[in-house]
Amino acid sequence: MLNTFAGSYLDRRAELRDDPDWAQQARGDGESLFVLSAGLAQLISHAPTPEIAFLHADHPLVTEAPDQALTLLGWFRGARCVLVDIGHASDERLRLELPASARLEELRPLASVLPTDSAGLLAYARALMFWRGRNRYCGVCGRPTAPGRAGHVLNCTDSACATTFFPRIDPAVIVLVTDAAHERALLGRQASWPPGRYSTVAGFVEPGESLEDAVAREVFEETAVKVTTISYQSSQPWPFPSSLMLGFQAIGGAETIRHVDGELEDARWFSRAQIAAGEPMLPPPTSISYRLIEAWFDSGSATPLAQHPDVGRWGTPRG
């Protein structure tokens, strides 16, 4: 099973980004789909179920958007798909011209209710909007930047500088640590979380560090447990704001749990029986953290984790 936001939902057609007429072609194609974003909020319809509220080329918010506000995402469900930054539009204008059944919303609470491919598309769009919003000026000389390659690069407008900026993601490792017998999982919680919430250990990869080195360092820093047998499992785009979560499993030693760096309020070993009984509250099923826990749990249980009625998950009722 693919992680949320991952999968071949989009044909990116990167070779078309260098076509100088791409925006005119998109505007002239009556089948083109336009995804509207204002900052990190995107246009969603709830009639009758949550879905992207696509607009077409003849909508005023599209026709009046400058080409610099457009980004070619690729081909989605067989149609050309373009991201439109409508941050230039006034609140009153948006109120008058947005479809009655649609509104601008953030992706995170919608991830579990949107169609899988729509969630992936909006994750991609959100990550691009975050990058664009934080690179409006050149980090070398301070001059404004302008989009190129159909919105996929930002170029310094000072010809003497001419620095090019590409979209960036932040690699982060996330690891499900088990004991040598694979009977218990090591989970931790931050002090800011509501009582009962626990998750897998995670952290950003540092410069000069391999993924395996990052796994071992993060687990030790947060719990003082030393890990071995580190194995890659899967990855997940996580545009909150711009991470790529790289999921691992590892075997933990018998060291006493300590909070070396103070990031976690608590960390402990949990058995399958404790997890099945609702202790602790697990991350939402849309997260790679939950998927890592689920894979370990199901490997040693006759009843899959999803079928245990007392399992608690963040943001969902028990049972």
C-alpha atoms as a PDB file:
ATOM      1  CA  MET A   1       0.000   0.000   0.000  1.00  0.00           C
ATOM      2  CA  LEU A   2       1.322   3.427  -0.988  1.00  0.00           C
ATOM      3  CA  ASN A   3       1.815   6.123   1.615  1.00  0.00           C
ATOM      4  CA  THR A   4      -0.524   9.108   1.465  1.00  0.00           C
ATOM      5  CA  PHE A   5       0.613  11.764  -1.083  1.00  0.00           C
ATOM      6  CA  ALA A   6       2.794   9.193  -2.918  1.00  0.00           C
ATOM      7  CA  GLY A   7       2.113   7.374  -6.181  1.00  0.00           C
ATOM      8  CA  SER A   8       1.993   7.881  -9.938  1.00  0.00           C
ATOM      9  CA  TYR A   9      -0.993  10.234  -9.849  1.00  0.00           C
ATOM     10  CA  LEU A  10       0.594  12.731 -12.242  1.00  0.00           C
ATOM     11  CA  ASP A  11       2.477  12.676 -15.550  1.00  0.00           C
ATOM     12  CA  ARG A  12       4.825  15.585 -14.915  1.00  0.00           C
ATOM     13  CA  ARG A  13       5.974  16.020 -18.556  1.00  0.00           C
ATOM     14  CA  ALA A  14       9.056  17.919 -17.405  1.00  0.00           C
ATOM     15  CA  GLU A  15      10.302  18.250 -21.005  1.00  0.00           C
ATOM     16  CA  LEU A  16       7.506  20.763 -21.693  1.00  0.00           C
ATOM     17  CA  ARG A  17       8.698  23.205 -19.041  1.00  0.00           C
ATOM     18  CA  ASP A  18      11.189  24.718 -21.487  1.00  0.00           C
ATOM     19  CA  ASP A  19       8.513  25.542 -24.078  1.00  0.00           C
ATOM     20  CA  PRO A  20       8.241  29.376 -24.071  1.00  0.00           C
ATOM     21  CA  ASP A  21       4.601  29.139 -25.167  1.00  0.00           C
ATOM     22  CA  TRP A  22       3.462  26.687 -22.496  1.00  0.00           C
ATOM     23  CA  ALA A  23       1.215  29.212 -20.688  1.00  0.00           C
ATOM     24  CA  GLN A  24      -0.547  30.269 -23.874  1.00  0.00           C
ATOM     25  CA  GLN A  25      -1.091  26.627 -24.784  1.00  0.00           C
ATOM     26  CA  ALA A  26      -2.584  25.947 -21.356  1.00  0.00           C
ATOM     27  CA  ARG A  27      -4.887  28.953 -21.593  1.00  0.00           C
ATOM     28  CA  GLY A  28      -5.993  27.927 -25.097  1.00  0.00           C
ATOM     29  CA  ASP A  29      -6.815  24.353 -24.116  1.00  0.00           C
ATOM     30  CA  GLY A  30     -10.451  24.117 -23.038  1.00  0.00           C
ATOM     31  CA  GLU A  31      -9.680  20.859 -21.206  1.00  0.00           C
ATOM     32  CA  SER A  32      -6.966  22.366 -18.999  1.00  0.00           C
ATOM     33  CA  LEU A  33      -7.546  22.091 -15.258  1.00  0.00           C
ATOM     34  CA  PHE A  34      -6.485  25.005 -13.049  1.00  0.00           C
ATOM     35  CA  VAL A  35      -5.758  24.513  -9.329  1.00  0.00           C
ATOM     36  CA  LEU A  36      -6.136  27.740  -7.358  1.00  0.00           C
ATOM     37  CA  SER A  37      -3.911  28.504  -4.383  1.00  0.00           C
ATOM     38  CA  ALA A  38      -3.795  31.552  -2.151  1.00  0.00           C
ATOM     39  CA  GLY A  39      -0.722  31.167  -0.021  1.00  0.00           C
ATOM     40  CA  LEU A  40      -0.885  27.607   1.299  1.00  0.00           C
ATOM     41  CA  ALA A  41      -4.670  27.320   0.991  1.00  0.00           C
ATOM     42  CA  GLN A  42      -6.185  25.643  -2.050  1.00  0.00           C
ATOM     43  CA  LEU A  43      -9.638  25.733  -3.617  1.00  0.00           C
ATOM     44  CA  ILE A  44     -11.774  22.810  -2.428  1.00  0.00           C
ATOM     45  CA  SER A  45     -15.376  21.855  -3.146  1.00  0.00           C
ATOM     46  CA  HIS A  46     -17.540  19.886  -0.705  1.00  0.00           C
ATOM     47  CA  ALA A  47     -20.445  19.214  -3.038  1.00  0.00           C
ATOM     48  CA  PRO A  48     -21.176  16.408  -2.478  1.00  0.00           C
ATOM     49  CA  THR A  49     -17.801  15.134  -1.186  1.00  0.00           C
ATOM     50  CA  PRO A  50     -14.401  16.842  -0.770  1.00  0.00           C
ATOM     51  CA  GLU A  51     -12.584  17.318  -4.087  1.00  0.00           C
ATOM     52  CA  ILE A  52     -10.337  19.863  -5.757  1.00  0.00           C
ATOM     53  CA  ALA A  53     -12.474  22.670  -7.191  1.00  0.00           C
ATOM     54  CA  PHE A  54     -10.815  22.836 -10.597  1.00  0.00           C
ATOM     55  CA  LEU A  55     -11.414  25.907 -12.745  1.00  0.00           C
ATOM     56  CA  HIS A  56     -11.095  26.219 -16.512  1.00  0.00           C
ATOM     57  CA  ALA A  57      -9.256  28.715 -18.657  1.00  0.00           C
ATOM     58  CA  ASP A  58     -12.265  30.992 -19.119  1.00  0.00           C
ATOM     59  CA  HIS A  59     -12.749  31.726 -15.410  1.00  0.00           C
ATOM     60  CA  PRO A  60     -11.914  35.374 -14.550  1.00  0.00           C
ATOM     61  CA  LEU A  61      -9.459  34.396 -11.812  1.00  0.00           C
ATOM     62  CA  VAL A  62      -7.552  32.412 -14.454  1.00  0.00           C
ATOM     63  CA  THR A  63      -7.812  34.802 -17.387  1.00  0.00           C
ATOM     64  CA  GLU A  64      -6.640  37.751 -15.298  1.00  0.00           C
ATOM     65  CA  ALA A  65      -3.786  35.911 -13.580  1.00  0.00           C
ATOM     66  CA  PRO A  66      -0.393  36.909 -15.009  1.00  0.00           C
ATOM     67  CA  ASP A  67       1.680  34.159 -16.606  1.00  0.00           C
ATOM     68  CA  GLN A  68       4.188  34.566 -13.759  1.00  0.00           C
ATOM     69  CA  ALA A  69       1.492  33.283 -11.376  1.00  0.00           C
ATOM     70  CA  LEU A  70       1.129  29.998 -13.278  1.00  0.00           C
ATOM     71  CA  THR A  71       3.033  26.745 -12.781  1.00  0.00           C
ATOM     72  CA  LEU A  72       2.679  23.729 -15.041  1.00  0.00           C
ATOM     73  CA  LEU A  73       2.101  20.728 -12.777  1.00  0.00           C
ATOM     74  CA  GLY A  74       1.700  18.119 -15.530  1.00  0.00           C
ATOM     75  CA  TRP A  75      -1.136  15.961 -16.811  1.00  0.00           C
ATOM     76  CA  PHE A  76      -3.698  14.906 -14.205  1.00  0.00           C
ATOM     77  CA  ARG A  77      -6.421  12.395 -15.083  1.00  0.00           C
ATOM     78  CA  GLY A  78      -5.466  12.875 -18.720  1.00  0.00           C
ATOM     79  CA  ALA A  79      -5.751  16.680 -18.744  1.00  0.00           C
ATOM     80  CA  ARG A  80      -3.175  19.458 -18.571  1.00  0.00           C
ATOM     81  CA  CYS A  81      -3.042  20.770 -14.989  1.00  0.00           C
ATOM     82  CA  VAL A  82      -1.809  24.216 -13.953  1.00  0.00           C
ATOM     83  CA  LEU A  83      -1.298  25.768 -10.523  1.00  0.00           C
ATOM     84  CA  VAL A  84      -2.495  29.384 -10.220  1.00  0.00           C
ATOM     85  CA  ASP A  85      -1.228  31.628  -7.431  1.00  0.00           C
ATOM     86  CA  ILE A  86      -4.176  33.932  -6.738  1.00  0.00           C
ATOM     87  CA  GLY A  87      -2.536  35.663  -3.810  1.00  0.00           C
ATOM     88  CA  HIS A  88      -2.771  38.853  -5.859  1.00  0.00           C
ATOM     89  CA  ALA A  89      -6.596  38.814  -5.700  1.00  0.00           C
ATOM     90  CA  SER A  90      -8.401  40.770  -2.987  1.00  0.00           C
ATOM     91  CA  ASP A  91     -10.586  39.027  -0.417  1.00  0.00           C
ATOM     92  CA  GLU A  92     -13.639  40.787  -1.835  1.00  0.00           C
ATOM     93  CA  ARG A  93     -12.762  39.630  -5.344  1.00  0.00           C
ATOM     94  CA  LEU A  94     -12.385  36.061  -4.165  1.00  0.00           C
ATOM     95  CA  ARG A  95     -15.689  36.202  -2.334  1.00  0.00           C
ATOM     96  CA  LEU A  96     -17.516  37.357  -5.444  1.00  0.00           C
ATOM     97  CA  GLU A  97     -15.852  35.103  -8.008  1.00  0.00           C
ATOM     98  CA  LEU A  98     -15.157  31.793  -6.290  1.00  0.00           C
ATOM     99  CA  PRO A  99     -17.731  29.064  -6.986  1.00  0.00           C
ATOM    100  CA  ALA A 100     -20.491  29.019  -4.353  1.00  0.00           C
ATOM    101  CA  SER A 101     -19.704  25.438  -3.307  1.00  0.00           C
ATOM    102  CA  ALA A 102     -15.947  26.034  -3.002  1.00  0.00           C
ATOM    103  CA  ARG A 103     -13.660  27.632  -0.470  1.00  0.00           C
ATOM    104  CA  LEU A 104      -9.952  27.999   0.168  1.00  0.00           C
ATOM    105  CA  GLU A 105      -8.745  25.413   2.674  1.00  0.00           C
ATOM    106  CA  GLU A 106      -5.539  23.925   4.045  1.00  0.00           C
ATOM    107  CA  LEU A 107      -4.588  20.412   2.937  1.00  0.00           C
ATOM    108  CA  ARG A 108      -3.602  18.738   6.213  1.00  0.00           C
ATOM    109  CA  PRO A 109      -7.127  18.084   7.628  1.00  0.00           C
ATOM    110  CA  LEU A 110      -8.369  17.039   4.174  1.00  0.00           C
ATOM    111  CA  ALA A 111      -5.713  14.423   3.403  1.00  0.00           C
ATOM    112  CA  SER A 112      -7.791  11.484   4.627  1.00  0.00           C
ATOM    113  CA  VAL A 113     -11.033  12.480   2.896  1.00  0.00           C
ATOM    114  CA  LEU A 114      -9.843  13.644  -0.527  1.00  0.00           C
ATOM    115  CA  PRO A 115      -9.430  11.122  -3.372  1.00  0.00           C
ATOM    116  CA  THR A 116      -5.924   9.671  -3.188  1.00  0.00           C
ATOM    117  CA  ASP A 117      -4.714  11.238  -6.415  1.00  0.00           C
ATOM    118  CA  SER A 118      -6.189  14.636  -5.501  1.00  0.00           C
ATOM    119  CA  ALA A 119      -4.385  14.611  -2.151  1.00  0.00           C
ATOM    120  CA  GLY A 120      -1.115  13.859  -3.935  1.00  0.00           C
ATOM    121  CA  LEU A 121      -1.639  16.658  -6.437  1.00  0.00           C
ATOM    122  CA  LEU A 122      -2.388  19.206  -3.720  1.00  0.00           C
ATOM    123  CA  ALA A 123       0.653  18.081  -1.718  1.00  0.00           C
ATOM    124  CA  TYR A 124       2.783  18.802  -4.782  1.00  0.00           C
ATOM    125  CA  ALA A 125       1.110  22.172  -5.315  1.00  0.00           C
ATOM    126  CA  ARG A 126       1.439  23.128  -1.650  1.00  0.00           C
ATOM    127  CA  ALA A 127       5.160  22.356  -1.625  1.00  0.00           C
ATOM    128  CA  LEU A 128       5.711  24.540  -4.691  1.00  0.00           C
ATOM    129  CA  MET A 129       3.746  27.407  -3.155  1.00  0.00           C
ATOM    130  CA  PHE A 130       5.773  27.197   0.043  1.00  0.00           C
ATOM    131  CA  TRP A 131       9.019  27.291  -1.936  1.00  0.00           C
ATOM    132  CA  ARG A 132       7.891  30.209  -4.103  1.00  0.00           C
ATOM    133  CA  GLY A 133       6.726  32.210  -1.099  1.00  0.00           C
ATOM    134  CA  ARG A 134      10.103  31.940   0.599  1.00  0.00           C
ATOM    135  CA  ASN A 135      12.272  32.677  -2.397  1.00  0.00           C
ATOM    136  CA  ARG A 136      10.788  35.918  -3.701  1.00  0.00           C
ATOM    137  CA  TYR A 137      14.216  37.530  -3.347  1.00  0.00           C
ATOM    138  CA  CYS A 138      17.631  36.292  -4.315  1.00  0.00           C
ATOM    139  CA  GLY A 139      19.554  34.831  -1.398  1.00  0.00           C
ATOM    140  CA  VAL A 140      22.829  35.999  -2.974  1.00  0.00           C
ATOM    141  CA  CYS A 141      22.230  39.650  -3.882  1.00  0.00           C
ATOM    142  CA  GLY A 142      18.765  40.416  -2.512  1.00  0.00           C
ATOM    143  CA  ARG A 143      17.131  41.350  -5.821  1.00  0.00           C
ATOM    144  CA  PRO A 144      13.635  40.042  -6.714  1.00  0.00           C
ATOM    145  CA  THR A 145      13.342  36.651  -8.393  1.00  0.00           C
ATOM    146  CA  ALA A 146      11.164  35.732 -11.381  1.00  0.00           C
ATOM    147  CA  PRO A 147       9.835  32.285 -12.338  1.00  0.00           C
ATOM    148  CA  GLY A 148      11.229  30.278 -15.236  1.00  0.00           C
ATOM    149  CA  ARG A 149      10.807  26.783 -16.694  1.00  0.00           C
ATOM    150  CA  ALA A 150       7.014  26.908 -16.324  1.00  0.00           C
ATOM    151  CA  GLY A 151       7.293  27.909 -12.672  1.00  0.00           C
ATOM    152  CA  HIS A 152       9.819  25.266 -11.609  1.00  0.00           C
ATOM    153  CA  VAL A 153      12.799  27.572 -11.135  1.00  0.00           C
ATOM    154  CA  LEU A 154      13.194  31.078  -9.754  1.00  0.00           C
ATOM    155  CA  ASN A 155      15.818  33.292 -11.384  1.00  0.00           C
ATOM    156  CA  CYS A 156      17.484  36.352  -9.930  1.00  0.00           C
ATOM    157  CA  THR A 157      16.422  39.354 -12.003  1.00  0.00           C
ATOM    158  CA  ASP A 158      19.851  40.983 -11.712  1.00  0.00           C
ATOM    159  CA  SER A 159      21.745  39.862 -14.831  1.00  0.00           C
ATOM    160  CA  ALA A 160      25.046  40.367 -13.029  1.00  0.00           C
ATOM    161  CA  CYS A 161      24.008  37.798 -10.443  1.00  0.00           C
ATOM    162  CA  ALA A 162      21.734  35.455 -12.451  1.00  0.00           C
ATOM    163  CA  THR A 163      21.476  32.898  -9.648  1.00  0.00           C
ATOM    164  CA  THR A 164      18.929  30.148 -10.232  1.00  0.00           C
ATOM    165  CA  PHE A 165      16.925  28.613  -7.390  1.00  0.00           C
ATOM    166  CA  PHE A 166      15.292  25.201  -7.613  1.00  0.00           C
ATOM    167  CA  PRO A 167      12.564  23.746  -5.380  1.00  0.00           C
ATOM    168  CA  ARG A 168      14.032  22.225  -2.244  1.00  0.00           C
ATOM    169  CA  ILE A 169      12.828  19.535   0.130  1.00  0.00           C
ATOM    170  CA  ASP A 170      14.119  18.717   3.602  1.00  0.00           C
ATOM    171  CA  PRO A 171      14.997  15.024   4.066  1.00  0.00           C
ATOM    172  CA  ALA A 172      13.918  13.622   7.420  1.00  0.00           C
ATOM    173  CA  VAL A 173      14.282  10.106   8.791  1.00  0.00           C
ATOM    174  CA  ILE A 174      11.471   8.437  10.697  1.00  0.00           C
ATOM    175  CA  VAL A 175      12.050   5.089  12.364  1.00  0.00           C
ATOM    176  CA  LEU A 176      10.100   2.355  14.072  1.00  0.00           C
ATOM    177  CA  VAL A 177      12.487   0.824  16.623  1.00  0.00           C
ATOM    178  CA  THR A 178      11.636  -2.633  17.976  1.00  0.00           C
ATOM    179  CA  ASP A 179      13.323  -4.833  20.535  1.00  0.00           C
ATOM    180  CA  ALA A 180      15.364  -7.827  19.409  1.00  0.00           C
ATOM    181  CA  ALA A 181      12.358 -10.137  19.687  1.00  0.00           C
ATOM    182  CA  HIS A 182      10.168  -7.778  17.628  1.00  0.00           C
ATOM    183  CA  GLU A 183       7.595  -7.869  20.426  1.00  0.00           C
ATOM    184  CA  ARG A 184       7.770  -4.213  21.533  1.00  0.00           C
ATOM    185  CA  ALA A 185       7.974  -0.881  19.734  1.00  0.00           C
ATOM    186  CA  LEU A 186       9.764   2.244  20.989  1.00  0.00           C
ATOM    187  CA  LEU A 187       7.520   5.319  20.791  1.00  0.00           C
ATOM    188  CA  GLY A 188       7.896   8.823  22.162  1.00  0.00           C
ATOM    189  CA  ARG A 189       5.853  11.955  22.739  1.00  0.00           C
ATOM    190  CA  GLN A 190       6.506  15.680  22.777  1.00  0.00           C
ATOM    191  CA  ALA A 191       5.327  17.825  25.664  1.00  0.00           C
ATOM    192  CA  SER A 192       3.159  19.964  23.361  1.00  0.00           C
ATOM    193  CA  TRP A 193       1.012  16.993  22.305  1.00  0.00           C
ATOM    194  CA  PRO A 194      -2.284  16.180  24.030  1.00  0.00           C
ATOM    195  CA  PRO A 195      -2.020  13.454  26.698  1.00  0.00           C
ATOM    196  CA  GLY A 196      -1.705   9.940  25.347  1.00  0.00           C
ATOM    197  CA  ARG A 197      -0.261  10.761  21.936  1.00  0.00           C
ATOM    198  CA  TYR A 198       2.873   8.847  20.940  1.00  0.00           C
ATOM    199  CA  SER A 199       4.709   8.419  17.663  1.00  0.00           C
ATOM    200  CA  THR A 200       7.848   7.024  16.089  1.00  0.00           C
ATOM    201  CA  VAL A 201      11.223   8.759  16.409  1.00  0.00           C
ATOM    202  CA  ALA A 202      11.956  11.273  13.632  1.00  0.00           C
ATOM    203  CA  GLY A 203      14.353  14.058  12.795  1.00  0.00           C
ATOM    204  CA  PHE A 204      16.048  15.940   9.979  1.00  0.00           C
ATOM    205  CA  VAL A 205      19.156  14.672   8.219  1.00  0.00           C
ATOM    206  CA  GLU A 206      22.167  16.881   8.920  1.00  0.00           C
ATOM    207  CA  PRO A 207      24.883  17.932   6.444  1.00  0.00           C
ATOM    208  CA  GLY A 208      27.574  15.287   5.944  1.00  0.00           C
ATOM    209  CA  GLU A 209      25.328  12.534   7.293  1.00  0.00           C
ATOM    210  CA  SER A 210      24.011   9.361   5.672  1.00  0.00           C
ATOM    211  CA  LEU A 211      20.411   8.309   6.244  1.00  0.00           C
ATOM    212  CA  GLU A 212      21.529   5.386   8.397  1.00  0.00           C
ATOM    213  CA  ASP A 213      23.753   7.675  10.455  1.00  0.00           C
ATOM    214  CA  ALA A 214      20.811  10.037  10.943  1.00  0.00           C
ATOM    215  CA  VAL A 215      18.590   7.186  12.150  1.00  0.00           C
ATOM    216  CA  ALA A 216      21.137   6.051  14.732  1.00  0.00           C
ATOM    217  CA  ARG A 217      21.834   9.611  15.901  1.00  0.00           C
ATOM    218  CA  GLU A 218      18.193  10.656  16.232  1.00  0.00           C
ATOM    219  CA  VAL A 219      17.195   7.553  18.198  1.00  0.00           C
ATOM    220  CA  PHE A 220      20.148   7.950  20.546  1.00  0.00           C
ATOM    221  CA  GLU A 221      19.634  11.698  21.034  1.00  0.00           C
ATOM    222  CA  GLU A 222      15.957  11.278  21.862  1.00  0.00           C
ATOM    223  CA  THR A 223      16.029   8.019  23.865  1.00  0.00           C
ATOM    224  CA  ALA A 224      19.681   6.969  24.531  1.00  0.00           C
ATOM    225  CA  VAL A 225      18.866   3.653  22.828  1.00  0.00           C
ATOM    226  CA  LYS A 226      21.514   2.361  20.410  1.00  0.00           C
ATOM    227  CA  VAL A 227      20.146   0.785  17.229  1.00  0.00           C
ATOM    228  CA  THR A 228      21.385  -1.881  14.841  1.00  0.00           C
ATOM    229  CA  THR A 229      20.047  -3.605  11.712  1.00  0.00           C
ATOM    230  CA  ILE A 230      18.699  -0.420  10.162  1.00  0.00           C
ATOM    231  CA  SER A 231      16.564  -1.133   7.094  1.00  0.00           C
ATOM    232  CA  TYR A 232      14.738   1.198   4.726  1.00  0.00           C
ATOM    233  CA  GLN A 233      10.968   0.680   4.401  1.00  0.00           C
ATOM    234  CA  SER A 234       9.312   3.434   2.330  1.00  0.00           C
ATOM    235  CA  SER A 235       9.053   7.199   1.902  1.00  0.00           C
ATOM    236  CA  GLN A 236       6.359   9.860   2.013  1.00  0.00           C
ATOM    237  CA  PRO A 237       6.189  13.392   0.616  1.00  0.00           C
ATOM    238  CA  TRP A 238       5.172  15.560   3.552  1.00  0.00           C
ATOM    239  CA  PRO A 239       4.491  19.165   2.496  1.00  0.00           C
ATOM    240  CA  PHE A 240       4.096  20.553   6.037  1.00  0.00           C
ATOM    241  CA  PRO A 241       6.022  22.483   5.079  1.00  0.00           C
ATOM    242  CA  SER A 242       8.523  20.797   2.718  1.00  0.00           C
ATOM    243  CA  SER A 243       9.806  17.453   3.974  1.00  0.00           C
ATOM    244  CA  LEU A 244      10.456  14.051   2.464  1.00  0.00           C
ATOM    245  CA  MET A 245       9.964  11.462   5.201  1.00  0.00           C
ATOM    246  CA  LEU A 246      12.271   8.454   4.793  1.00  0.00           C
ATOM    247  CA  GLY A 247      10.914   5.523   6.769  1.00  0.00           C
ATOM    248  CA  PHE A 248      13.102   2.914   8.460  1.00  0.00           C
ATOM    249  CA  GLN A 249      12.919   0.012  10.862  1.00  0.00           C
ATOM    250  CA  ALA A 250      15.694  -0.693  13.338  1.00  0.00           C
ATOM    251  CA  ILE A 251      16.487  -2.986  16.260  1.00  0.00           C
ATOM    252  CA  GLY A 252      17.068  -1.252  19.579  1.00  0.00           C
ATOM    253  CA  GLY A 253      19.375  -2.302  22.381  1.00  0.00           C
ATOM    254  CA  ALA A 254      18.567  -2.783  26.044  1.00  0.00           C
ATOM    255  CA  GLU A 255      19.862   0.596  27.232  1.00  0.00           C
ATOM    256  CA  THR A 256      17.853   2.510  29.807  1.00  0.00           C
ATOM    257  CA  ILE A 257      15.714   5.139  28.093  1.00  0.00           C
ATOM    258  CA  ARG A 258      16.929   8.679  28.722  1.00  0.00           C
ATOM    259  CA  HIS A 259      16.076  11.949  27.016  1.00  0.00           C
ATOM    260  CA  VAL A 260      19.496  13.082  25.891  1.00  0.00           C
ATOM    261  CA  ASP A 261      18.462  16.207  23.942  1.00  0.00           C
ATOM    262  CA  GLY A 262      15.263  17.039  25.825  1.00  0.00           C
ATOM    263  CA  GLU A 263      13.103  16.986  22.684  1.00  0.00           C
ATOM    264  CA  LEU A 264      10.792  14.252  23.987  1.00  0.00           C
ATOM    265  CA  GLU A 265       8.784  14.430  27.179  1.00  0.00           C
ATOM    266  CA  ASP A 266       8.477  10.654  27.365  1.00  0.00           C
ATOM    267  CA  ALA A 267       9.550   7.543  25.481  1.00  0.00           C
ATOM    268  CA  ARG A 268       8.770   3.944  26.278  1.00  0.00           C
ATOM    269  CA  TRP A 269       8.379   0.451  24.891  1.00  0.00           C
ATOM    270  CA  PHE A 270       4.856  -0.646  23.950  1.00  0.00           C
ATOM    271  CA  SER A 271       3.666  -4.194  23.313  1.00  0.00           C
ATOM    272  CA  ARG A 272       1.121  -5.129  20.679  1.00  0.00           C
ATOM    273  CA  ALA A 273      -1.375  -5.810  23.440  1.00  0.00           C
ATOM    274  CA  GLN A 274      -0.985  -2.271  24.790  1.00  0.00           C
ATOM    275  CA  ILE A 275      -1.412  -0.761  21.337  1.00  0.00           C
ATOM    276  CA  ALA A 276      -4.469  -2.924  20.606  1.00  0.00           C
ATOM    277  CA  ALA A 277      -6.000  -1.759  23.881  1.00  0.00           C
ATOM    278  CA  GLY A 278      -5.664   1.920  22.938  1.00  0.00           C
ATOM    279  CA  GLU A 279      -2.484   2.703  24.861  1.00  0.00           C
ATOM    280  CA  PRO A 280      -0.992   4.795  23.346  1.00  0.00           C
ATOM    281  CA  MET A 281      -2.934   7.030  20.923  1.00  0.00           C
ATOM    282  CA  LEU A 282      -1.353   6.390  17.508  1.00  0.00           C
ATOM    283  CA  PRO A 283      -0.657   8.867  14.685  1.00  0.00           C
ATOM    284  CA  PRO A 284      -3.298   9.269  11.944  1.00  0.00           C
ATOM    285  CA  PRO A 285      -3.407   6.550   9.251  1.00  0.00           C
ATOM    286  CA  THR A 286      -2.377   9.124   6.630  1.00  0.00           C
ATOM    287  CA  SER A 287       1.112   9.336   8.164  1.00  0.00           C
ATOM    288  CA  ILE A 288       4.099   7.137   7.420  1.00  0.00           C
ATOM    289  CA  SER A 289       4.553   6.839  11.186  1.00  0.00           C
ATOM    290  CA  TYR A 290       1.274   4.939  11.435  1.00  0.00           C
ATOM    291  CA  ARG A 291       2.201   2.782   8.444  1.00  0.00           C
ATOM    292  CA  LEU A 292       5.498   1.787  10.078  1.00  0.00           C
ATOM    293  CA  ILE A 293       3.711   0.857  13.308  1.00  0.00           C
ATOM    294  CA  GLU A 294       1.026  -0.997  11.377  1.00  0.00           C
ATOM    295  CA  ALA A 295       3.547  -3.057   9.375  1.00  0.00           C
ATOM    296  CA  TRP A 296       5.323  -4.168  12.557  1.00  0.00           C
ATOM    297  CA  PHE A 297       2.060  -4.849  14.414  1.00  0.00           C
ATOM    298  CA  ASP A 298       0.533  -6.917  11.596  1.00  0.00           C
ATOM    299  CA  SER A 299       3.704  -8.988  11.206  1.00  0.00           C
ATOM    300  CA  GLY A 300       3.135 -10.503  14.646  1.00  0.00           C
ATOM    301  CA  SER A 301      -0.638 -10.392  15.126  1.00  0.00           C
ATOM    302  CA  ALA A 302      -3.408 -12.658  13.855  1.00  0.00           C
ATOM    303  CA  THR A 303      -5.708  -9.629  13.766  1.00  0.00           C
ATOM    304  CA  PRO A 304      -4.523  -6.613  11.711  1.00  0.00           C
ATOM    305  CA  LEU A 305      -4.136  -3.321  13.534  1.00  0.00           C
ATOM    306  CA  ALA A 306      -6.916  -1.733  11.473  1.00  0.00           C
ATOM    307  CA  GLN A 307      -9.402  -4.301  12.779  1.00  0.00           C
ATOM    308  CA  HIS A 308      -8.794  -3.705  16.492  1.00  0.00           C
ATOM    309  CA  PRO A 309     -11.776  -1.646  17.692  1.00  0.00           C
ATOM    310  CA  ASP A 310     -10.020  -0.073  20.675  1.00  0.00           C
ATOM    311  CA  VAL A 311      -7.017   1.320  18.808  1.00  0.00           C
ATOM    312  CA  GLY A 312      -6.904   5.097  19.130  1.00  0.00           C
ATOM    313  CA  ARG A 313      -5.606   7.350  16.371  1.00  0.00           C
ATOM    314  CA  TRP A 314      -4.996  11.103  16.390  1.00  0.00           C
ATOM    315  CA  GLY A 315      -7.931  13.016  15.035  1.00  0.00           C
ATOM    316  CA  THR A 316     -10.326  10.045  14.957  1.00  0.00           C
ATOM    317  CA  PRO A 317     -12.679   8.635  17.599  1.00  0.00           C
ATOM    318  CA  ARG A 318     -11.837   5.372  19.263  1.00  0.00           C
ATOM    319  CA  GLY A 319     -13.590   2.334  17.926  1.00  0.00           C
END
